């Protein structure tokens, strides 16, 4: 198995849940404070059509602000590129896990999403 195939399998397995005892996750979060994964996000997006990136709004590149990502979860965005049968994956460059956990002190651009998802 290639490294990329293993990575894709691992990322998608995060969304696996037991419907008898759990609710399906709204999305999967990938915080990356040090931006270590940023260089390969174009390749990952080519392989993972459900991967969206926190950043400047550009729906053609599947990037947007936190409120746009929240609208994706709610199904209010006409995003024909993302498969409807997959849990959205949000890559959050420059954001740490601690930023997401401290809802009261969460940076303003992240507040619309700070309470709704699971982390990778």
C-alpha atoms as a PDB file:
ATOM      1  CA  UNK A   1       0.000   0.000   0.000  1.00  0.00           C
ATOM      2  CA  UNK A   2       1.319   3.439  -0.909  1.00  0.00           C
ATOM      3  CA  UNK A   3       1.785   6.100   1.768  1.00  0.00           C
ATOM      4  CA  UNK A   4      -0.960   8.260   0.221  1.00  0.00           C
ATOM      5  CA  UNK A   5      -3.421   5.359   0.203  1.00  0.00           C
ATOM      6  CA  UNK A   6      -2.682   4.648   3.852  1.00  0.00           C
ATOM      7  CA  UNK A   7      -3.114   8.323   4.773  1.00  0.00           C
ATOM      8  CA  UNK A   8      -6.440   8.572   2.929  1.00  0.00           C
ATOM      9  CA  UNK A   9      -7.703   5.406   4.593  1.00  0.00           C
ATOM     10  CA  UNK A  10      -6.694   6.679   8.038  1.00  0.00           C
ATOM     11  CA  UNK A  11      -8.343  10.069   7.535  1.00  0.00           C
ATOM     12  CA  UNK A  12     -11.599   8.567   6.319  1.00  0.00           C
ATOM     13  CA  UNK A  13     -11.669   6.037   9.167  1.00  0.00           C
ATOM     14  CA  UNK A  14     -11.968   8.922  11.632  1.00  0.00           C
ATOM     15  CA  UNK A  15     -15.570   9.372  10.462  1.00  0.00           C
ATOM     16  CA  UNK A  16     -16.527   5.751  11.179  1.00  0.00           C
ATOM     17  CA  UNK A  17     -19.022   5.515  14.033  1.00  0.00           C
ATOM     18  CA  UNK A  18     -21.456   3.057  15.573  1.00  0.00           C
ATOM     19  CA  UNK A  19     -24.969   4.338  14.810  1.00  0.00           C
ATOM     20  CA  UNK A  20     -26.395   2.276  17.686  1.00  0.00           C
ATOM     21  CA  UNK A  21     -24.551   4.348  20.285  1.00  0.00           C
ATOM     22  CA  UNK A  22     -23.235   7.435  18.477  1.00  0.00           C
ATOM     23  CA  UNK A  23     -24.440  10.264  16.312  1.00  0.00           C
ATOM     24  CA  UNK A  24     -22.662  10.774  13.009  1.00  0.00           C
ATOM     25  CA  UNK A  25     -19.991  13.487  13.219  1.00  0.00           C
ATOM     26  CA  UNK A  26     -20.880  16.733  11.460  1.00  0.00           C
ATOM     27  CA  UNK A  27     -17.307  17.033  10.218  1.00  0.00           C
ATOM     28  CA  UNK A  28     -13.729  16.052  10.899  1.00  0.00           C
ATOM     29  CA  UNK A  29     -11.316  18.771  11.972  1.00  0.00           C
ATOM     30  CA  UNK A  30      -7.643  18.826  11.131  1.00  0.00           C
ATOM     31  CA  UNK A  31      -6.036  21.638  13.149  1.00  0.00           C
ATOM     32  CA  UNK A  32      -2.465  22.389  12.076  1.00  0.00           C
ATOM     33  CA  UNK A  33      -0.975  25.233  14.113  1.00  0.00           C
ATOM     34  CA  UNK A  34       2.448  24.929  12.516  1.00  0.00           C
ATOM     35  CA  UNK A  35       1.065  24.439   8.977  1.00  0.00           C
ATOM     36  CA  UNK A  36       3.008  21.210   8.549  1.00  0.00           C
ATOM     37  CA  UNK A  37       0.448  19.724   6.150  1.00  0.00           C
ATOM     38  CA  UNK A  38      -0.197  22.880   4.139  1.00  0.00           C
ATOM     39  CA  UNK A  39       2.225  21.997   1.314  1.00  0.00           C
ATOM     40  CA  UNK A  40       0.381  18.786   0.441  1.00  0.00           C
ATOM     41  CA  UNK A  41      -3.194  20.063   0.741  1.00  0.00           C
ATOM     42  CA  UNK A  42      -3.593  20.477  -3.044  1.00  0.00           C
ATOM     43  CA  UNK A  43      -2.707  16.799  -3.494  1.00  0.00           C
ATOM     44  CA  UNK A  44      -4.962  15.792  -0.613  1.00  0.00           C
ATOM     45  CA  UNK A  45      -7.857  17.780  -2.080  1.00  0.00           C
ATOM     46  CA  UNK A  46      -7.380  15.959  -5.382  1.00  0.00           C
ATOM     47  CA  UNK A  47      -7.744  12.650  -3.519  1.00  0.00           C
ATOM     48  CA  UNK A  48     -10.304  13.768  -0.911  1.00  0.00           C
ATOM     49  CA  UNK A  49     -13.119  15.754  -2.542  1.00  0.00           C
ATOM     50  CA  UNK A  50     -14.661  16.178   0.922  1.00  0.00           C
ATOM     51  CA  UNK A  51     -11.594  18.155   2.129  1.00  0.00           C
ATOM     52  CA  UNK A  52     -12.282  21.853   2.641  1.00  0.00           C
ATOM     53  CA  UNK A  53      -9.780  24.407   3.907  1.00  0.00           C
ATOM     54  CA  UNK A  54     -10.192  27.308   6.309  1.00  0.00           C
ATOM     55  CA  UNK A  55      -8.954  30.429   4.546  1.00  0.00           C
ATOM     56  CA  UNK A  56      -9.984  33.138   2.133  1.00  0.00           C
ATOM     57  CA  UNK A  57     -13.297  32.493   0.415  1.00  0.00           C
ATOM     58  CA  UNK A  58     -12.750  30.746  -2.912  1.00  0.00           C
ATOM     59  CA  UNK A  59     -15.321  28.012  -3.519  1.00  0.00           C
ATOM     60  CA  UNK A  60     -13.515  26.831  -6.664  1.00  0.00           C
ATOM     61  CA  UNK A  61     -10.510  25.977  -4.471  1.00  0.00           C
ATOM     62  CA  UNK A  62     -12.836  24.699  -1.708  1.00  0.00           C
ATOM     63  CA  UNK A  63     -11.579  27.244   0.817  1.00  0.00           C
ATOM     64  CA  UNK A  64     -13.545  29.615   2.971  1.00  0.00           C
ATOM     65  CA  UNK A  65     -14.040  31.289   6.307  1.00  0.00           C
ATOM     66  CA  UNK A  66     -15.454  29.508   9.325  1.00  0.00           C
ATOM     67  CA  UNK A  67     -19.022  30.607   8.656  1.00  0.00           C
ATOM     68  CA  UNK A  68     -18.818  29.167   5.119  1.00  0.00           C
ATOM     69  CA  UNK A  69     -17.565  25.866   6.531  1.00  0.00           C
ATOM     70  CA  UNK A  70     -20.498  25.860   8.942  1.00  0.00           C
ATOM     71  CA  UNK A  71     -22.869  26.431   6.021  1.00  0.00           C
ATOM     72  CA  UNK A  72     -21.328  23.417   4.268  1.00  0.00           C
ATOM     73  CA  UNK A  73     -22.199  21.280   7.305  1.00  0.00           C
ATOM     74  CA  UNK A  74     -25.747  22.631   7.281  1.00  0.00           C
ATOM     75  CA  UNK A  75     -26.130  21.815   3.585  1.00  0.00           C
ATOM     76  CA  UNK A  76     -26.698  25.466   2.696  1.00  0.00           C
ATOM     77  CA  UNK A  77     -23.827  25.643   0.217  1.00  0.00           C
ATOM     78  CA  UNK A  78     -24.271  24.355  -3.305  1.00  0.00           C
ATOM     79  CA  UNK A  79     -21.000  22.457  -3.353  1.00  0.00           C
ATOM     80  CA  UNK A  80     -21.168  19.977  -6.208  1.00  0.00           C
ATOM     81  CA  UNK A  81     -17.504  18.976  -5.746  1.00  0.00           C
ATOM     82  CA  UNK A  82     -17.978  17.450  -2.281  1.00  0.00           C
ATOM     83  CA  UNK A  83     -19.666  14.046  -2.123  1.00  0.00           C
ATOM     84  CA  UNK A  84     -22.860  14.064  -0.064  1.00  0.00           C
ATOM     85  CA  UNK A  85     -22.208  10.578   1.318  1.00  0.00           C
ATOM     86  CA  UNK A  86     -18.932  11.545   3.023  1.00  0.00           C
ATOM     87  CA  UNK A  87     -18.272  13.450   6.217  1.00  0.00           C
ATOM     88  CA  UNK A  88     -16.676  16.833   5.393  1.00  0.00           C
ATOM     89  CA  UNK A  89     -13.043  17.205   6.459  1.00  0.00           C
ATOM     90  CA  UNK A  90     -11.881  20.678   7.442  1.00  0.00           C
ATOM     91  CA  UNK A  91      -8.182  21.460   7.333  1.00  0.00           C
ATOM     92  CA  UNK A  92      -7.439  24.381   9.670  1.00  0.00           C
ATOM     93  CA  UNK A  93      -3.983  25.854   8.893  1.00  0.00           C
ATOM     94  CA  UNK A  94      -2.551  28.040  11.650  1.00  0.00           C
ATOM     95  CA  UNK A  95      -5.133  26.804  14.186  1.00  0.00           C
ATOM     96  CA  UNK A  96      -4.208  24.712  17.221  1.00  0.00           C
ATOM     97  CA  UNK A  97      -6.318  22.206  19.134  1.00  0.00           C
ATOM     98  CA  UNK A  98      -6.163  24.557  22.107  1.00  0.00           C
ATOM     99  CA  UNK A  99      -7.704  27.348  20.002  1.00  0.00           C
ATOM    100  CA  UNK A 100     -10.677  25.093  19.313  1.00  0.00           C
ATOM    101  CA  UNK A 101     -11.129  23.818  22.854  1.00  0.00           C
ATOM    102  CA  UNK A 102     -11.199  27.239  24.533  1.00  0.00           C
ATOM    103  CA  UNK A 103     -14.549  28.365  23.108  1.00  0.00           C
ATOM    104  CA  UNK A 104     -14.667  31.493  25.293  1.00  0.00           C
ATOM    105  CA  UNK A 105     -11.254  32.702  24.099  1.00  0.00           C
ATOM    106  CA  UNK A 106     -11.453  31.163  20.621  1.00  0.00           C
ATOM    107  CA  UNK A 107     -10.286  33.568  17.887  1.00  0.00           C
ATOM    108  CA  UNK A 108     -13.266  35.433  16.370  1.00  0.00           C
ATOM    109  CA  UNK A 109     -12.923  33.871  12.897  1.00  0.00           C
ATOM    110  CA  UNK A 110     -13.276  30.379  14.432  1.00  0.00           C
ATOM    111  CA  UNK A 111     -16.218  30.984  16.783  1.00  0.00           C
ATOM    112  CA  UNK A 112     -18.917  29.951  14.275  1.00  0.00           C
ATOM    113  CA  UNK A 113     -17.457  26.435  14.166  1.00  0.00           C
ATOM    114  CA  UNK A 114     -15.991  26.012  17.636  1.00  0.00           C
ATOM    115  CA  UNK A 115     -18.768  23.798  18.961  1.00  0.00           C
ATOM    116  CA  UNK A 116     -19.823  21.387  16.251  1.00  0.00           C
ATOM    117  CA  UNK A 117     -17.207  18.907  15.093  1.00  0.00           C
ATOM    118  CA  UNK A 118     -14.703  16.204  16.042  1.00  0.00           C
ATOM    119  CA  UNK A 119     -10.953  16.444  15.711  1.00  0.00           C
ATOM    120  CA  UNK A 120      -8.589  14.118  13.892  1.00  0.00           C
END
